[in-house]
Amino acid sequence: MGEQAKTAALWGLVTVVMLVTCWIVFVTTPPIFPSYVSVPAAEAQTDLEEYLERFGKVDLNHATIQEIGALPQIDDDLAMRIMMERDRRPQGFTATEELLTVDGVTKELLDLWKNLLYCG
């Protein structure tokens, strides 16, 4: 076997090992944030109380990813989109209603979060 063939085979093996390692990490790592699919009203009220107890009312423009990710009925992707939209704006959010510009934030979610967030 020539030198080029050996090098190509080695790089092919390295590539396979890296892909398998990435796949294992991706599949076995639990999500960072809790994900809520559908929450009954009584449970949603408990979630609101727990959130306020844990974080208090949170300034949307200074909130950490953990604070945004812990909002009731939010998933990882939506939390990241909110953070990205906030960072994209020079002054951040000026009103919580501006969250409606983020894909996935609905009027119902905004109503649910109205007592948890403010823009400072």
Protein backbone atom coordinates (compact mmCIF):
# COMPACT_ATOMS: atom_id res chain seq x y z
CA MET A 1 0.00 0.00 0.00
CA GLY A 2 1.35 3.42 -0.96
CA GLU A 3 1.98 6.30 1.44
CA GLN A 4 -0.99 8.30 0.09
CA ALA A 5 -3.34 5.34 0.52
CA LYS A 6 -2.20 4.86 4.14
CA THR A 7 -2.75 8.56 4.88
CA ALA A 8 -6.21 8.49 3.28
CA ALA A 9 -7.16 5.37 5.25
CA LEU A 10 -5.96 6.97 8.50
CA TRP A 11 -7.96 10.17 7.87
CA GLY A 12 -11.00 8.07 7.01
CA LEU A 13 -10.68 6.22 10.32
CA VAL A 14 -10.25 9.48 12.26
CA THR A 15 -13.37 10.89 10.60
CA VAL A 16 -15.44 7.82 11.50
CA VAL A 17 -14.26 7.91 15.11
CA MET A 18 -15.13 11.63 15.39
CA LEU A 19 -18.60 11.12 13.90
CA VAL A 20 -19.36 8.21 16.22
CA THR A 21 -18.14 10.19 19.24
CA CYS A 22 -20.32 13.19 18.31
CA TRP A 23 -23.33 10.93 17.80
CA ILE A 24 -22.84 9.26 21.21
CA VAL A 25 -22.53 12.63 22.97
CA PHE A 26 -25.59 14.02 21.16
CA VAL A 27 -27.77 11.00 21.86
CA THR A 28 -26.77 10.48 25.50
CA THR A 29 -26.69 14.11 26.69
CA PRO A 30 -29.93 15.17 28.40
CA PRO A 31 -31.55 18.47 27.38
CA ILE A 32 -30.34 21.57 29.23
CA PHE A 33 -33.81 23.02 29.80
CA PRO A 34 -37.08 21.41 30.83
CA SER A 35 -39.52 21.01 27.99
CA TYR A 36 -43.26 21.42 28.48
CA VAL A 37 -45.59 20.09 25.83
CA SER A 38 -48.98 20.82 27.38
CA VAL A 39 -49.55 21.97 30.92
CA PRO A 40 -52.96 22.04 32.63
CA ALA A 41 -53.97 25.38 34.21
CA ALA A 42 -53.37 24.24 37.82
CA GLU A 43 -49.93 22.95 36.92
CA ALA A 44 -49.14 26.14 34.99
CA GLN A 45 -50.01 28.20 38.08
CA THR A 46 -47.61 26.06 40.15
CA ASP A 47 -44.93 26.57 37.50
CA LEU A 48 -45.43 30.35 37.71
CA GLU A 49 -45.15 30.32 41.49
CA GLU A 50 -42.06 28.11 41.40
CA TYR A 51 -40.45 30.35 38.80
CA LEU A 52 -41.11 33.50 40.85
CA GLU A 53 -39.81 31.78 43.98
CA ARG A 54 -36.66 30.65 42.21
CA PHE A 55 -35.82 33.73 40.11
CA GLY A 56 -38.19 36.54 41.09
CA LYS A 57 -39.35 38.86 38.32
CA VAL A 58 -36.61 38.77 35.67
CA ASP A 59 -35.27 41.62 33.53
CA LEU A 60 -35.51 40.21 30.02
CA ASN A 61 -32.48 42.20 28.88
CA HIS A 62 -30.21 40.81 31.60
CA ALA A 63 -31.70 37.32 32.00
CA THR A 64 -29.38 34.34 31.75
CA ILE A 65 -30.08 31.40 29.47
CA GLN A 66 -31.06 29.44 32.59
CA GLU A 67 -33.66 32.04 33.58
CA ILE A 68 -35.16 32.18 30.10
CA GLY A 69 -34.95 28.41 29.70
CA ALA A 70 -36.85 27.89 32.96
CA LEU A 71 -39.88 29.90 31.83
CA PRO A 72 -43.06 27.79 31.78
CA GLN A 73 -43.87 26.10 28.46
CA ILE A 74 -40.56 26.89 26.78
CA ASP A 75 -38.11 24.58 25.04
CA ASP A 76 -34.40 24.84 24.28
CA ASP A 77 -34.87 26.21 20.77
CA LEU A 78 -37.27 28.95 21.81
CA ALA A 79 -35.04 30.03 24.68
CA MET A 80 -32.11 30.29 22.28
CA ARG A 81 -34.16 32.26 19.73
CA ILE A 82 -35.18 34.74 22.46
CA MET A 83 -31.55 35.20 23.51
CA MET A 84 -30.44 35.65 19.89
CA GLU A 85 -33.17 38.23 19.20
CA ARG A 86 -32.27 40.13 22.36
CA ASP A 87 -28.58 40.16 21.41
CA ARG A 88 -29.42 41.26 17.86
CA ARG A 89 -31.15 44.43 19.13
CA PRO A 90 -28.80 47.31 20.03
CA GLN A 91 -30.88 48.30 23.09
CA GLY A 92 -32.35 44.85 23.73
CA PHE A 93 -36.08 44.56 24.22
CA THR A 94 -37.88 47.78 25.14
CA ALA A 95 -41.20 46.05 25.95
CA THR A 96 -42.10 42.43 26.66
CA GLU A 97 -44.58 42.58 23.75
CA GLU A 98 -41.57 42.65 21.41
CA LEU A 99 -41.13 38.96 22.24
CA LEU A 100 -43.95 38.36 19.75
CA THR A 101 -41.40 39.00 16.98
CA VAL A 102 -39.58 35.82 18.04
CA ASP A 103 -40.70 32.77 16.09
CA GLY A 104 -42.58 30.50 18.50
CA VAL A 105 -43.68 33.13 21.02
CA THR A 106 -47.45 33.39 20.97
CA LYS A 107 -49.85 35.81 22.64
CA GLU A 108 -50.81 32.97 25.02
CA LEU A 109 -47.18 32.45 26.08
CA LEU A 110 -46.70 36.19 26.51
CA ASP A 111 -49.83 36.33 28.70
CA LEU A 112 -48.47 33.43 30.76
CA TRP A 113 -45.11 35.16 31.24
CA LYS A 114 -46.43 38.71 31.84
CA ASN A 115 -45.86 38.59 35.60
CA LEU A 116 -42.46 36.91 35.30
CA LEU A 117 -40.61 39.29 32.97
CA TYR A 118 -39.97 42.99 32.51
CA CYS A 119 -37.68 45.06 30.30
CA GLY A 120 -35.20 47.16 32.25
